[in-house]
C-alpha atoms as a PDB file:
ATOM      1  CA  MET A   1     -25.832  17.812  36.621  1.00  0.00           C
ATOM      2  CA  ALA A   2     -23.062  15.481  36.037  1.00  0.00           C
ATOM      3  CA  SER A   3     -24.939  12.745  34.359  1.00  0.00           C
ATOM      4  CA  SER A   4     -26.633  14.907  32.146  1.00  0.00           C
ATOM      5  CA  ASN A   5     -22.994  16.140  30.432  1.00  0.00           C
ATOM      6  CA  VAL A   6     -21.854  12.536  30.067  1.00  0.00           C
ATOM      7  CA  GLU A   7     -25.406  11.787  28.273  1.00  0.00           C
ATOM      8  CA  GLU A   8     -24.907  15.080  26.185  1.00  0.00           C
ATOM      9  CA  SER A   9     -20.944  14.096  25.266  1.00  0.00           C
ATOM     10  CA  ALA A  10     -21.732  11.160  24.210  1.00  0.00           C
ATOM     11  CA  GLY A  11     -24.484  12.316  21.669  1.00  0.00           C
ATOM     12  CA  ASN A  12     -22.660  14.386  20.188  1.00  0.00           C
ATOM     13  CA  LYS A  13     -20.145  12.351  18.608  1.00  0.00           C
ATOM     14  CA  PRO A  14     -19.025  12.953  14.876  1.00  0.00           C
ATOM     15  CA  ALA A  15     -21.260  11.024  12.677  1.00  0.00           C
ATOM     16  CA  LYS A  16     -19.021   8.129  10.782  1.00  0.00           C
ATOM     17  CA  ARG A  17     -18.365   9.593   7.044  1.00  0.00           C
ATOM     18  CA  LYS A  18     -19.787   7.070   4.221  1.00  0.00           C
ATOM     19  CA  PRO A  19     -16.423   5.947   2.193  1.00  0.00           C
ATOM     20  CA  VAL A  20     -15.647   6.890  -1.129  1.00  0.00           C
ATOM     21  CA  PHE A  21     -14.674   4.234  -3.090  1.00  0.00           C
ATOM     22  CA  THR A  22     -12.416   4.929  -5.441  1.00  0.00           C
ATOM     23  CA  LYS A  23     -10.933   2.825  -8.668  1.00  0.00           C
ATOM     24  CA  VAL A  24      -7.462   1.511  -9.242  1.00  0.00           C
ATOM     25  CA  ASP A  25      -7.146   3.681 -12.336  1.00  0.00           C
ATOM     26  CA  GLN A  26      -7.890   7.292 -10.121  1.00  0.00           C
ATOM     27  CA  MET A  27      -4.895   6.446  -8.025  1.00  0.00           C
ATOM     28  CA  LYS A  28      -1.504   8.642  -8.196  1.00  0.00           C
ATOM     29  CA  PRO A  29       1.631   9.001  -6.601  1.00  0.00           C
ATOM     30  CA  GLY A  30       1.750  10.052  -3.252  1.00  0.00           C
ATOM     31  CA  THR A  31      -1.998   9.860  -2.077  1.00  0.00           C
ATOM     32  CA  ASN A  32      -3.943   7.899   0.905  1.00  0.00           C
ATOM     33  CA  GLY A  33      -6.931   7.532   2.058  1.00  0.00           C
ATOM     34  CA  HIS A  34      -7.984   5.083  -0.582  1.00  0.00           C
ATOM     35  CA  THR A  35     -11.109   2.677  -0.028  1.00  0.00           C
ATOM     36  CA  LEU A  36     -11.872   0.322  -2.931  1.00  0.00           C
ATOM     37  CA  ILE A  37     -12.936  -3.271  -3.740  1.00  0.00           C
ATOM     38  CA  ALA A  38     -10.353  -4.911  -5.860  1.00  0.00           C
ATOM     39  CA  LYS A  39      -9.988  -9.070  -6.468  1.00  0.00           C
ATOM     40  CA  VAL A  40      -6.862 -10.643  -5.495  1.00  0.00           C
ATOM     41  CA  LEU A  41      -5.000 -12.200  -9.057  1.00  0.00           C
ATOM     42  CA  SER A  42      -1.890 -13.312  -7.320  1.00  0.00           C
ATOM     43  CA  SER A  43       0.439 -13.042  -4.094  1.00  0.00           C
ATOM     44  CA  GLU A  44       3.839 -13.462  -4.068  1.00  0.00           C
ATOM     45  CA  THR A  45       5.998 -13.771  -0.928  1.00  0.00           C
ATOM     46  CA  VAL A  46       9.228 -11.503  -1.623  1.00  0.00           C
ATOM     47  CA  LEU A  47      10.784 -11.242   2.273  1.00  0.00           C
ATOM     48  CA  GLN A  48      10.436 -13.715   5.100  1.00  0.00           C
ATOM     49  CA  LYS A  49      12.744 -13.362   8.523  1.00  0.00           C
ATOM     50  CA  GLY A  50      12.150 -15.694  11.279  1.00  0.00           C
ATOM     51  CA  GLY A  51      12.116 -13.953  14.682  1.00  0.00           C
ATOM     52  CA  THR A  52      14.449 -14.552  17.384  1.00  0.00           C
ATOM     53  CA  ARG A  53      14.415 -17.402  19.765  1.00  0.00           C
ATOM     54  CA  PRO A  54      14.564 -16.055  23.395  1.00  0.00           C
ATOM     55  CA  SER A  55      17.008 -17.121  25.449  1.00  0.00           C
ATOM     56  CA  SER A  56      17.295 -17.080  29.800  1.00  0.00           C
ATOM     57  CA  SER A  57      19.239 -13.802  29.458  1.00  0.00           C
ATOM     58  CA  SER A  58      17.643 -11.552  26.597  1.00  0.00           C
ATOM     59  CA  LEU A  59      13.660 -12.231  27.169  1.00  0.00           C
ATOM     60  CA  ASN A  60      13.400  -8.592  26.196  1.00  0.00           C
ATOM     61  CA  ASN A  61      14.634  -8.985  22.789  1.00  0.00           C
ATOM     62  CA  ILE A  62      11.728 -11.337  21.209  1.00  0.00           C
ATOM     63  CA  LEU A  63      11.347 -10.566  17.510  1.00  0.00           C
ATOM     64  CA  ARG A  64       7.788 -11.428  15.509  1.00  0.00           C
ATOM     65  CA  PRO A  65       8.712 -13.052  12.199  1.00  0.00           C
ATOM     66  CA  THR A  66       8.265 -10.730   9.329  1.00  0.00           C
ATOM     67  CA  VAL A  67       6.423 -11.844   6.193  1.00  0.00           C
ATOM     68  CA  ILE A  68       6.007  -9.539   2.908  1.00  0.00           C
ATOM     69  CA  SER A  69       3.912 -10.391   0.107  1.00  0.00           C
ATOM     70  CA  GLU A  70       3.268  -8.570  -3.312  1.00  0.00           C
ATOM     71  CA  CYS A  71      -0.164  -9.567  -4.641  1.00  0.00           C
ATOM     72  CA  LEU A  72      -1.461  -7.992  -8.204  1.00  0.00           C
ATOM     73  CA  ILE A  73      -4.904  -6.768  -7.133  1.00  0.00           C
ATOM     74  CA  GLY A  74      -7.460  -5.128  -9.406  1.00  0.00           C
ATOM     75  CA  ASP A  75     -11.105  -3.858  -9.993  1.00  0.00           C
ATOM     76  CA  GLU A  76     -12.646  -3.593 -13.739  1.00  0.00           C
ATOM     77  CA  THR A  77     -10.045  -0.183 -14.206  1.00  0.00           C
ATOM     78  CA  GLY A  78      -7.052  -1.750 -13.587  1.00  0.00           C
ATOM     79  CA  THR A  79      -4.285  -3.446 -11.397  1.00  0.00           C
ATOM     80  CA  ILE A  80      -1.860  -2.382  -9.046  1.00  0.00           C
ATOM     81  CA  ILE A  81       0.826  -3.981  -6.979  1.00  0.00           C
ATOM     82  CA  PHE A  82      -0.457  -4.398  -3.094  1.00  0.00           C
ATOM     83  CA  THR A  83       2.379  -4.608  -0.614  1.00  0.00           C
ATOM     84  CA  ALA A  84       1.003  -7.190   2.359  1.00  0.00           C
ATOM     85  CA  ARG A  85       2.589  -7.170   5.809  1.00  0.00           C
ATOM     86  CA  ASN A  86       2.467  -9.995   8.365  1.00  0.00           C
ATOM     87  CA  GLU A  87      -1.098 -10.908   9.112  1.00  0.00           C
ATOM     88  CA  GLN A  88      -2.532  -9.118   5.852  1.00  0.00           C
ATOM     89  CA  VAL A  89      -0.875 -11.972   3.610  1.00  0.00           C
ATOM     90  CA  GLU A  90      -3.379 -14.443   4.785  1.00  0.00           C
ATOM     91  CA  LEU A  91      -6.390 -12.034   3.544  1.00  0.00           C
ATOM     92  CA  MET A  92      -4.373 -11.727   0.093  1.00  0.00           C
ATOM     93  CA  LYS A  93      -4.751 -14.892  -1.214  1.00  0.00           C
ATOM     94  CA  ALA A  94      -5.505 -15.465  -4.985  1.00  0.00           C
ATOM     95  CA  GLY A  95      -8.849 -15.455  -5.495  1.00  0.00           C
ATOM     96  CA  ASN A  96     -10.222 -13.403  -2.568  1.00  0.00           C
ATOM     97  CA  THR A  97     -12.097 -10.393  -3.099  1.00  0.00           C
ATOM     98  CA  VAL A  98     -11.449  -7.770  -0.700  1.00  0.00           C
ATOM     99  CA  ILE A  99     -12.319  -4.442   0.707  1.00  0.00           C
ATOM    100  CA  ILE A 100      -9.169  -2.452   1.339  1.00  0.00           C
ATOM    101  CA  ARG A 101      -9.406   1.000   3.472  1.00  0.00           C
ATOM    102  CA  ASN A 102      -7.890   3.779   4.501  1.00  0.00           C
ATOM    103  CA  ALA A 103      -4.770   2.749   1.822  1.00  0.00           C
ATOM    104  CA  LYS A 104      -1.916   4.413   0.664  1.00  0.00           C
ATOM    105  CA  ILE A 105       0.413   4.749  -2.051  1.00  0.00           C
ATOM    106  CA  ASP A 106       4.185   4.069  -1.676  1.00  0.00           C
ATOM    107  CA  MET A 107       6.930   4.558  -4.394  1.00  0.00           C
ATOM    108  CA  PHE A 108       9.467   1.350  -4.515  1.00  0.00           C
ATOM    109  CA  LYS A 109      12.052   1.792  -7.366  1.00  0.00           C
ATOM    110  CA  GLY A 110      10.027   4.333  -8.925  1.00  0.00           C
ATOM    111  CA  SER A 111       6.783   2.699  -9.106  1.00  0.00           C
ATOM    112  CA  MET A 112       3.963   2.668  -7.177  1.00  0.00           C
ATOM    113  CA  ARG A 113       2.755   0.058  -4.778  1.00  0.00           C
ATOM    114  CA  LEU A 114      -0.569   0.278  -2.674  1.00  0.00           C
ATOM    115  CA  ALA A 115      -0.584  -0.416   1.428  1.00  0.00           C
ATOM    116  CA  VAL A 116      -2.307  -0.618   4.587  1.00  0.00           C
ATOM    117  CA  ASP A 117      -0.591   0.581   7.435  1.00  0.00           C
ATOM    118  CA  LYS A 118      -1.716   0.404  11.048  1.00  0.00           C
ATOM    119  CA  TRP A 119      -4.507   2.467  10.542  1.00  0.00           C
ATOM    120  CA  GLY A 120      -6.169   0.962   7.465  1.00  0.00           C
ATOM    121  CA  ARG A 121      -8.129  -2.273   7.083  1.00  0.00           C
ATOM    122  CA  ILE A 122      -8.221  -4.946   5.393  1.00  0.00           C
ATOM    123  CA  GLU A 123     -11.605  -7.497   4.686  1.00  0.00           C
ATOM    124  CA  VAL A 124     -12.588 -10.164   2.998  1.00  0.00           C
ATOM    125  CA  THR A 125     -15.581 -10.004   1.466  1.00  0.00           C
ATOM    126  CA  ASP A 126     -18.288 -11.986  -1.288  1.00  0.00           C
ATOM    127  CA  PRO A 127     -16.704 -12.574  -4.611  1.00  0.00           C
ATOM    128  CA  ALA A 128     -17.333  -9.102  -6.946  1.00  0.00           C
ATOM    129  CA  GLU A 129     -19.052  -8.788 -10.113  1.00  0.00           C
ATOM    130  CA  PHE A 130     -16.665  -7.525 -11.870  1.00  0.00           C
ATOM    131  CA  THR A 131     -13.721  -8.666 -14.569  1.00  0.00           C
ATOM    132  CA  VAL A 132     -10.332  -7.420 -13.921  1.00  0.00           C
ATOM    133  CA  LYS A 133      -8.843  -5.479 -16.432  1.00  0.00           C
ATOM    134  CA  GLU A 134      -5.303  -6.854 -16.321  1.00  0.00           C
ATOM    135  CA  ASP A 135      -3.747  -4.947 -19.721  1.00  0.00           C
ATOM    136  CA  ASN A 136      -3.548  -1.416 -17.157  1.00  0.00           C
ATOM    137  CA  ASN A 137      -1.042  -2.226 -14.753  1.00  0.00           C
ATOM    138  CA  LEU A 138      -0.227   0.765 -12.897  1.00  0.00           C
ATOM    139  CA  SER A 139       2.755  -0.631 -10.747  1.00  0.00           C
ATOM    140  CA  LEU A 140       4.351  -1.026 -14.283  1.00  0.00           C
ATOM    141  CA  ILE A 141       4.529   2.999 -14.873  1.00  0.00           C
ATOM    142  CA  GLU A 142       7.890   4.267 -13.770  1.00  0.00           C
ATOM    143  CA  TYR A 143       7.796   7.863 -11.975  1.00  0.00           C
ATOM    144  CA  GLU A 144      10.723  10.491 -11.861  1.00  0.00           C
ATOM    145  CA  LEU A 145      10.794  12.715  -9.191  1.00  0.00           C
ATOM    146  CA  VAL A 146      11.674  15.753 -10.472  1.00  0.00           C
ATOM    147  CA  ASN A 147      12.568  19.040  -8.103  1.00  0.00           C
ATOM    148  CA  ALA A 148      10.710  22.286  -9.170  1.00  0.00           C
ATOM    149  CA  VAL A 149      13.226  24.857  -8.869  1.00  0.00           C
ATOM    150  CA  GLU A 150      11.508  28.647  -8.136  1.00  0.00           C
ATOM    151  CA  GLU A 151      13.227  31.536  -9.799  1.00  0.00           C
END
């Protein structure tokens, strides 16, 4: 009887949802869960911190080196700056076409940045067939947080 319950529970897994691909021009501040195919136009390292070397007394204080790059990515609707961290930097080389899954919009100095945290994924894929619309950069639009007061 126990073995049949195991088989039933294994067969009742929720089906994976098909990804809904969004376009760059549909992104808004404060949104997440974006999946898109984009070309990497440029990549520039903006922060590089080295880790500490372990000494005999402090083996627990080992820090991994931190690398952050700002990458201009885009599709046929526009461009946005993608913030790549650590191992993501290697994938976001200029000229690559990437599939970005479960990305979120972060705000930095009033402008939008696309980022992938531990719940998302970046994959390099075959070169895309579209031409990037470079004159619609969503990261150049400045947003201002306004608190609405209800009366």
